C-alpha atoms as a PDB file:
ATOM      1  CA  MET A   1     -39.341  33.913  60.472  1.00  0.00           C
ATOM      2  CA  ARG A   2     -35.692  33.623  59.782  1.00  0.00           C
ATOM      3  CA  THR A   3     -33.696  34.249  56.703  1.00  0.00           C
ATOM      4  CA  ILE A   4     -31.738  31.319  55.286  1.00  0.00           C
ATOM      5  CA  GLY A   5     -28.416  32.530  53.994  1.00  0.00           C
ATOM      6  CA  THR A   6     -26.425  31.220  51.054  1.00  0.00           C
ATOM      7  CA  ASN A   7     -22.714  30.628  50.589  1.00  0.00           C
ATOM      8  CA  ARG A   8     -22.729  31.582  46.924  1.00  0.00           C
ATOM      9  CA  ARG A   9     -20.553  34.495  46.073  1.00  0.00           C
ATOM     10  CA  PRO A  10     -21.309  36.871  43.252  1.00  0.00           C
ATOM     11  CA  LEU A  11     -19.016  36.497  40.257  1.00  0.00           C
ATOM     12  CA  THR A  12     -16.475  39.248  39.944  1.00  0.00           C
ATOM     13  CA  TRP A  13     -14.102  40.206  37.158  1.00  0.00           C
ATOM     14  CA  ASN A  14     -11.271  38.548  39.051  1.00  0.00           C
ATOM     15  CA  SER A  15     -13.130  35.253  39.392  1.00  0.00           C
ATOM     16  CA  LEU A  16     -14.063  35.297  35.696  1.00  0.00           C
ATOM     17  CA  HIS A  17     -10.446  35.992  34.830  1.00  0.00           C
ATOM     18  CA  ASN A  18      -9.304  33.082  36.973  1.00  0.00           C
ATOM     19  CA  LEU A  19     -11.785  30.745  35.281  1.00  0.00           C
ATOM     20  CA  ARG A  20     -10.588  31.782  31.845  1.00  0.00           C
ATOM     21  CA  MET A  21      -6.963  31.321  32.838  1.00  0.00           C
ATOM     22  CA  ALA A  22      -7.771  27.845  34.171  1.00  0.00           C
ATOM     23  CA  ASP A  23      -9.428  26.909  30.868  1.00  0.00           C
ATOM     24  CA  PHE A  24      -6.502  28.366  28.944  1.00  0.00           C
ATOM     25  CA  ASN A  25      -3.971  26.431  30.990  1.00  0.00           C
ATOM     26  CA  SER A  26      -5.953  23.214  30.523  1.00  0.00           C
ATOM     27  CA  VAL A  27      -6.090  23.643  26.746  1.00  0.00           C
ATOM     28  CA  LYS A  28      -2.419  24.610  26.627  1.00  0.00           C
ATOM     29  CA  ALA A  29      -1.467  21.486  28.569  1.00  0.00           C
ATOM     30  CA  ARG A  30      -3.396  19.311  26.109  1.00  0.00           C
ATOM     31  CA  PHE A  31      -1.730  20.949  23.112  1.00  0.00           C
ATOM     32  CA  ASP A  32       1.687  20.572  24.727  1.00  0.00           C
ATOM     33  CA  ALA A  33       1.009  16.854  25.255  1.00  0.00           C
ATOM     34  CA  ILE A  34      -0.047  16.432  21.616  1.00  0.00           C
ATOM     35  CA  SER A  35       3.032  18.339  20.432  1.00  0.00           C
ATOM     36  CA  SER A  36       5.262  16.108  22.538  1.00  0.00           C
ATOM     37  CA  ARG A  37       3.697  12.956  21.072  1.00  0.00           C
ATOM     38  CA  LEU A  38       4.176  14.301  17.537  1.00  0.00           C
ATOM     39  CA  ASP A  39       7.840  14.987  18.283  1.00  0.00           C
ATOM     40  CA  ASP A  40       8.253  11.414  19.524  1.00  0.00           C
ATOM     41  CA  LEU A  41       6.557  10.108  16.376  1.00  0.00           C
ATOM     42  CA  ALA A  42       8.882  12.146  14.153  1.00  0.00           C
ATOM     43  CA  LYS A  43      11.869  10.457  15.821  1.00  0.00           C
ATOM     44  CA  HIS A  44      10.517   6.937  15.235  1.00  0.00           C
ATOM     45  CA  PRO A  45      12.617   4.902  12.723  1.00  0.00           C
ATOM     46  CA  THR A  46       9.534   3.822  10.785  1.00  0.00           C
ATOM     47  CA  PHE A  47       8.451   7.414  10.268  1.00  0.00           C
ATOM     48  CA  LYS A  48      11.934   8.371   9.081  1.00  0.00           C
ATOM     49  CA  THR A  49      11.959   5.492   6.598  1.00  0.00           C
ATOM     50  CA  ALA A  50       8.534   6.460   5.282  1.00  0.00           C
ATOM     51  CA  LEU A  51       9.608  10.100   5.013  1.00  0.00           C
ATOM     52  CA  ARG A  52      12.680   9.171   2.972  1.00  0.00           C
ATOM     53  CA  ALA A  53      10.522   7.053   0.668  1.00  0.00           C
ATOM     54  CA  ARG A  54       8.071   9.916   0.318  1.00  0.00           C
ATOM     55  CA  ASN A  55      10.862  12.355  -0.556  1.00  0.00           C
ATOM     56  CA  LEU A  56      12.210   9.914  -3.141  1.00  0.00           C
ATOM     57  CA  GLN A  57       8.751   9.573  -4.671  1.00  0.00           C
ATOM     58  CA  GLU A  58       8.392  13.362  -4.898  1.00  0.00           C
ATOM     59  CA  ARG A  59      11.772  13.625  -6.629  1.00  0.00           C
ATOM     60  CA  GLN A  60      10.792  10.936  -9.118  1.00  0.00           C
ATOM     61  CA  LEU A  61       7.515  12.699  -9.877  1.00  0.00           C
ATOM     62  CA  ALA A  62       9.370  15.988 -10.336  1.00  0.00           C
ATOM     63  CA  ILE A  63      11.741  14.329 -12.830  1.00  0.00           C
ATOM     64  CA  LEU A  64       8.816  12.841 -14.762  1.00  0.00           C
ATOM     65  CA  GLN A  65       7.104  16.229 -14.881  1.00  0.00           C
ATOM     66  CA  ARG A  66      10.278  17.838 -16.228  1.00  0.00           C
ATOM     67  CA  ILE A  67      10.564  15.145 -18.901  1.00  0.00           C
ATOM     68  CA  ASP A  68       6.924  15.699 -19.848  1.00  0.00           C
ATOM     69  CA  LYS A  69       7.462  19.460 -20.176  1.00  0.00           C
ATOM     70  CA  LEU A  70      10.569  18.873 -22.283  1.00  0.00           C
ATOM     71  CA  MET A  71       8.675  16.530 -24.580  1.00  0.00           C
ATOM     72  CA  GLN A  72       5.911  19.096 -24.983  1.00  0.00           C
ATOM     73  CA  ALA A  73       8.451  21.808 -25.756  1.00  0.00           C
ATOM     74  CA  LEU A  74      10.029  19.618 -28.458  1.00  0.00           C
ATOM     75  CA  ASN A  75       6.630  18.457 -29.758  1.00  0.00           C
ATOM     76  CA  LEU A  76       7.527  14.828 -29.078  1.00  0.00           C
ATOM     77  CA  ASP A  77       4.997  12.062 -28.631  1.00  0.00           C
ATOM     78  CA  LEU A  78       6.520   8.767 -27.614  1.00  0.00           C
ATOM     79  CA  SER A  79       3.152   7.019 -27.644  1.00  0.00           C
ATOM     80  CA  ALA A  80       2.729   7.564 -31.396  1.00  0.00           C
ATOM     81  CA  SER A  81       4.864   6.061 -34.151  1.00  0.00           C
ATOM     82  CA  THR A  82       4.658   6.012 -37.937  1.00  0.00           C
ATOM     83  CA  VAL A  83       5.689   2.360 -37.980  1.00  0.00           C
ATOM     84  CA  CYS A  84       3.898  -0.075 -35.732  1.00  0.00           C
ATOM     85  CA  PRO A  85       6.649  -2.088 -34.017  1.00  0.00           C
ATOM     86  CA  LYS A  86       6.366  -5.818 -33.655  1.00  0.00           C
ATOM     87  CA  ARG A  87       4.919  -6.752 -30.311  1.00  0.00           C
ATOM     88  CA  PRO A  88       7.688  -8.341 -28.223  1.00  0.00           C
ATOM     89  CA  SER A  89       7.173 -11.759 -26.717  1.00  0.00           C
ATOM     90  CA  LEU A  90       6.795 -12.267 -22.988  1.00  0.00           C
ATOM     91  CA  VAL A  91      10.291 -13.735 -22.758  1.00  0.00           C
ATOM     92  CA  ALA A  92      12.092 -11.016 -24.688  1.00  0.00           C
ATOM     93  CA  ASN A  93      13.351  -8.004 -22.758  1.00  0.00           C
ATOM     94  CA  PRO A  94      12.987  -4.411 -23.942  1.00  0.00           C
ATOM     95  CA  PRO A  95      16.207  -3.236 -25.625  1.00  0.00           C
ATOM     96  CA  HIS A  96      16.578  -0.226 -23.324  1.00  0.00           C
ATOM     97  CA  ARG A  97      16.356  -2.273 -20.128  1.00  0.00           C
ATOM     98  CA  PRO A  98      19.057  -4.731 -19.013  1.00  0.00           C
ATOM     99  CA  ARG A  99      18.046  -8.267 -18.206  1.00  0.00           C
ATOM    100  CA  PRO A 100      17.340  -8.606 -14.474  1.00  0.00           C
ATOM    101  CA  THR A 101      19.685 -10.717 -12.389  1.00  0.00           C
ATOM    102  CA  VAL A 102      19.524 -12.435  -9.021  1.00  0.00           C
ATOM    103  CA  THR A 103      20.583 -10.211  -6.119  1.00  0.00           C
ATOM    104  CA  LEU A 104      23.757 -11.716  -4.664  1.00  0.00           C
ATOM    105  CA  ASP A 105      23.338 -10.494  -1.083  1.00  0.00           C
ATOM    106  CA  ALA A 106      19.609 -11.257  -0.895  1.00  0.00           C
ATOM    107  CA  SER A 107      18.046 -13.938   1.262  1.00  0.00           C
ATOM    108  CA  PRO A 108      17.607 -17.463  -0.182  1.00  0.00           C
ATOM    109  CA  THR A 109      13.852 -16.912  -0.389  1.00  0.00           C
ATOM    110  CA  GLN A 110      14.246 -13.689  -2.374  1.00  0.00           C
ATOM    111  CA  GLN A 111      16.805 -15.289  -4.687  1.00  0.00           C
ATOM    112  CA  ARG A 112      14.465 -18.214  -5.358  1.00  0.00           C
ATOM    113  CA  LEU A 113      11.622 -15.823  -6.192  1.00  0.00           C
ATOM    114  CA  GLU A 114      13.888 -13.739  -8.429  1.00  0.00           C
ATOM    115  CA  ARG A 115      14.951 -16.834 -10.385  1.00  0.00           C
ATOM    116  CA  GLU A 116      11.300 -17.798 -10.785  1.00  0.00           C
ATOM    117  CA  LEU A 117      10.428 -14.332 -12.120  1.00  0.00           C
ATOM    118  CA  ILE A 118      13.403 -14.305 -14.497  1.00  0.00           C
ATOM    119  CA  ASN A 119      12.565 -17.771 -15.835  1.00  0.00           C
ATOM    120  CA  ARG A 120       8.996 -16.661 -16.458  1.00  0.00           C
ATOM    121  CA  GLY A 121      10.153 -13.711 -18.550  1.00  0.00           C
ATOM    122  CA  PHE A 122       9.609 -10.766 -16.210  1.00  0.00           C
ATOM    123  CA  SER A 123      11.597  -7.790 -17.474  1.00  0.00           C
ATOM    124  CA  SER A 124      11.587  -5.942 -14.156  1.00  0.00           C
ATOM    125  CA  PHE A 125      10.656  -6.481 -10.528  1.00  0.00           C
ATOM    126  CA  ARG A 126      11.557  -5.005  -7.170  1.00  0.00           C
ATOM    127  CA  PHE A 127      11.660  -6.346  -3.620  1.00  0.00           C
ATOM    128  CA  VAL A 128      11.288  -3.906  -0.730  1.00  0.00           C
ATOM    129  CA  ARG A 129      12.155  -4.595   2.894  1.00  0.00           C
ATOM    130  CA  VAL A 130       9.613  -3.074   5.257  1.00  0.00           C
ATOM    131  CA  PRO A 131       9.537  -2.656   9.050  1.00  0.00           C
ATOM    132  CA  THR A 132       8.352  -5.587  11.135  1.00  0.00           C
ATOM    133  CA  GLU A 133       5.267  -3.590  12.174  1.00  0.00           C
ATOM    134  CA  TYR A 134       4.357  -2.899   8.522  1.00  0.00           C
ATOM    135  CA  TYR A 135       0.875  -4.426   8.752  1.00  0.00           C
ATOM    136  CA  ASP A 136       0.135  -2.346  11.846  1.00  0.00           C
ATOM    137  CA  LEU A 137       0.845   0.902   9.970  1.00  0.00           C
ATOM    138  CA  SER A 138      -1.775   3.026   8.283  1.00  0.00           C
ATOM    139  CA  LEU A 139      -2.280   2.637   4.539  1.00  0.00           C
ATOM    140  CA  GLU A 140      -0.623   6.001   3.987  1.00  0.00           C
ATOM    141  CA  LEU A 141       2.571   4.905   5.757  1.00  0.00           C
ATOM    142  CA  ARG A 142       2.548   1.585   3.884  1.00  0.00           C
ATOM    143  CA  ARG A 143       2.253   3.537   0.640  1.00  0.00           C
ATOM    144  CA  ASP A 144       5.282   5.634   1.593  1.00  0.00           C
ATOM    145  CA  CYS A 145       7.341   2.590   2.603  1.00  0.00           C
ATOM    146  CA  LEU A 146       6.764   0.997  -0.811  1.00  0.00           C
ATOM    147  CA  GLY A 147       6.946   4.210  -2.820  1.00  0.00           C
ATOM    148  CA  ALA A 148       3.485   3.558  -4.278  1.00  0.00           C
ATOM    149  CA  ALA A 149       1.588   6.265  -6.133  1.00  0.00           C
ATOM    150  CA  SER A 150      -1.447   6.009  -3.842  1.00  0.00           C
ATOM    151  CA  VAL A 151      -3.100   3.732  -1.293  1.00  0.00           C
ATOM    152  CA  ASN A 152      -5.252   2.381  -4.131  1.00  0.00           C
ATOM    153  CA  HIS A 153      -2.095   0.850  -5.637  1.00  0.00           C
ATOM    154  CA  LEU A 154      -1.501  -1.290  -2.544  1.00  0.00           C
ATOM    155  CA  CYS A 155      -2.333  -4.929  -3.283  1.00  0.00           C
ATOM    156  CA  LYS A 156      -1.920  -8.243  -1.543  1.00  0.00           C
ATOM    157  CA  SER A 157      -1.881 -11.850  -2.705  1.00  0.00           C
ATOM    158  CA  ILE A 158      -4.156 -14.448  -1.158  1.00  0.00           C
ATOM    159  CA  VAL A 159      -3.719 -18.182  -1.764  1.00  0.00           C
ATOM    160  CA  MET A 160      -7.156 -19.761  -1.514  1.00  0.00           C
ATOM    161  CA  GLU A 161      -7.959 -23.469  -1.426  1.00  0.00           C
ATOM    162  CA  ASN A 162     -10.902 -24.772  -3.403  1.00  0.00           C
ATOM    163  CA  THR A 163     -12.409 -27.122  -0.827  1.00  0.00           C
ATOM    164  CA  ARG A 164     -15.044 -28.316  -3.307  1.00  0.00           C
ATOM    165  CA  ALA A 165     -12.472 -29.645  -5.769  1.00  0.00           C
ATOM    166  CA  HIS A 166     -12.470 -33.395  -6.354  1.00  0.00           C
ATOM    167  CA  GLU A 167      -9.839 -35.353  -4.431  1.00  0.00           C
ATOM    168  CA  SER A 168      -8.151 -36.203  -7.730  1.00  0.00           C
ATOM    169  CA  VAL A 169      -7.428 -32.506  -8.335  1.00  0.00           C
ATOM    170  CA  THR A 170      -4.084 -31.661  -6.754  1.00  0.00           C
ATOM    171  CA  GLY A 171      -2.444 -29.046  -8.973  1.00  0.00           C
ATOM    172  CA  TRP A 172      -3.365 -25.876 -10.823  1.00  0.00           C
ATOM    173  CA  ASP A 173      -3.042 -26.858 -14.489  1.00  0.00           C
ATOM    174  CA  ASP A 174      -6.745 -26.311 -15.164  1.00  0.00           C
ATOM    175  CA  PRO A 175      -7.671 -22.677 -14.432  1.00  0.00           C
ATOM    176  CA  ARG A 176     -11.330 -23.700 -14.117  1.00  0.00           C
ATOM    177  CA  ASN A 177     -10.816 -26.611 -11.763  1.00  0.00           C
ATOM    178  CA  SER A 178      -7.722 -26.259  -9.595  1.00  0.00           C
ATOM    179  CA  LYS A 179      -7.020 -27.032  -5.978  1.00  0.00           C
ATOM    180  CA  TYR A 180      -5.411 -23.684  -5.211  1.00  0.00           C
ATOM    181  CA  TYR A 181      -5.807 -20.181  -6.607  1.00  0.00           C
ATOM    182  CA  CYS A 182      -3.605 -17.130  -6.056  1.00  0.00           C
ATOM    183  CA  VAL A 183      -5.769 -14.007  -6.024  1.00  0.00           C
ATOM    184  CA  ILE A 184      -4.441 -10.427  -6.180  1.00  0.00           C
ATOM    185  CA  VAL A 185      -6.732  -7.892  -4.527  1.00  0.00           C
ATOM    186  CA  GLN A 186      -6.566  -4.279  -3.465  1.00  0.00           C
ATOM    187  CA  VAL A 187      -5.921  -3.829   0.236  1.00  0.00           C
ATOM    188  CA  GLN A 188      -8.734  -1.289   0.467  1.00  0.00           C
ATOM    189  CA  HIS A 189     -11.289  -3.522  -1.244  1.00  0.00           C
ATOM    190  CA  GLU A 190     -10.554  -6.972   0.110  1.00  0.00           C
ATOM    191  CA  ALA A 191     -13.582  -9.250  -0.098  1.00  0.00           C
ATOM    192  CA  THR A 192     -12.478 -12.722   0.952  1.00  0.00           C
ATOM    193  CA  VAL A 193     -16.009 -14.080   1.272  1.00  0.00           C
ATOM    194  CA  VAL A 194     -16.902 -12.997  -2.263  1.00  0.00           C
ATOM    195  CA  LEU A 195     -13.677 -14.476  -3.644  1.00  0.00           C
ATOM    196  CA  ALA A 196     -14.332 -17.801  -1.933  1.00  0.00           C
ATOM    197  CA  SER A 197     -17.823 -17.864  -3.428  1.00  0.00           C
ATOM    198  CA  VAL A 198     -16.437 -17.210  -6.918  1.00  0.00           C
ATOM    199  CA  ILE A 199     -13.808 -19.943  -6.622  1.00  0.00           C
ATOM    200  CA  THR A 200     -16.207 -22.601  -5.352  1.00  0.00           C
ATOM    201  CA  GLY A 201     -18.675 -21.490  -8.001  1.00  0.00           C
ATOM    202  CA  MET A 202     -16.086 -22.103 -10.718  1.00  0.00           C
ATOM    203  CA  ASN A 203     -15.650 -25.662  -9.525  1.00  0.00           C
ATOM    204  CA  ALA A 204     -19.439 -26.140  -9.362  1.00  0.00           C
ATOM    205  CA  ASP A 205     -19.745 -24.997 -12.989  1.00  0.00           C
ATOM    206  CA  TYR A 206     -17.045 -27.487 -13.934  1.00  0.00           C
ATOM    207  CA  GLU A 207     -18.868 -30.349 -12.221  1.00  0.00           C
ATOM    208  CA  SER A 208     -22.159 -29.486 -13.911  1.00  0.00           C
ATOM    209  CA  GLY A 209     -20.524 -29.123 -17.313  1.00  0.00           C
ATOM    210  CA  GLY A 210     -20.788 -25.354 -17.454  1.00  0.00           C
ATOM    211  CA  GLY A 211     -18.383 -23.157 -19.423  1.00  0.00           C
END
């Protein structure tokens, strides 16, 4: 009989120490790589723009909180009034807010939209220029770019065509039977299929004489 040897060596304190150091160095290298990527992200122009918008939002909220505390200290309630004021019309502007004007250095498209809003009686509106990769950003970064209160305030407009409308229908005078509809939806809860079903259903009700 012969004894078959083995090449395995018994673990020693030194070998265990070396294994732990190897694991430590591997983890450290991964953390260093992550830290480097975060530093690169912090230098990105989009991140800087979002950070400035976020700081501006925080300052605005701080001002509103100070106003609220001042009102409480003076026992003021702007929402209540002994005399019910006459409800202003859609065209009239609030007395404390100047009438909006067309931005002189804006693009022709923005100026056209501003004129449309002014003619329709809007008392305030705001256009924001965003980075070209805006729709590739997370909802949180989009919120910061626009200065929105939360991601739930992010909305988008969708122009949908009612393919079941009669060929004689070309405009949008009849809200129950139009060719096109502009729908405003939350970005987080977009349901295009459901909206399309509702729009075609409206036209079906119109054809059958429904309300």
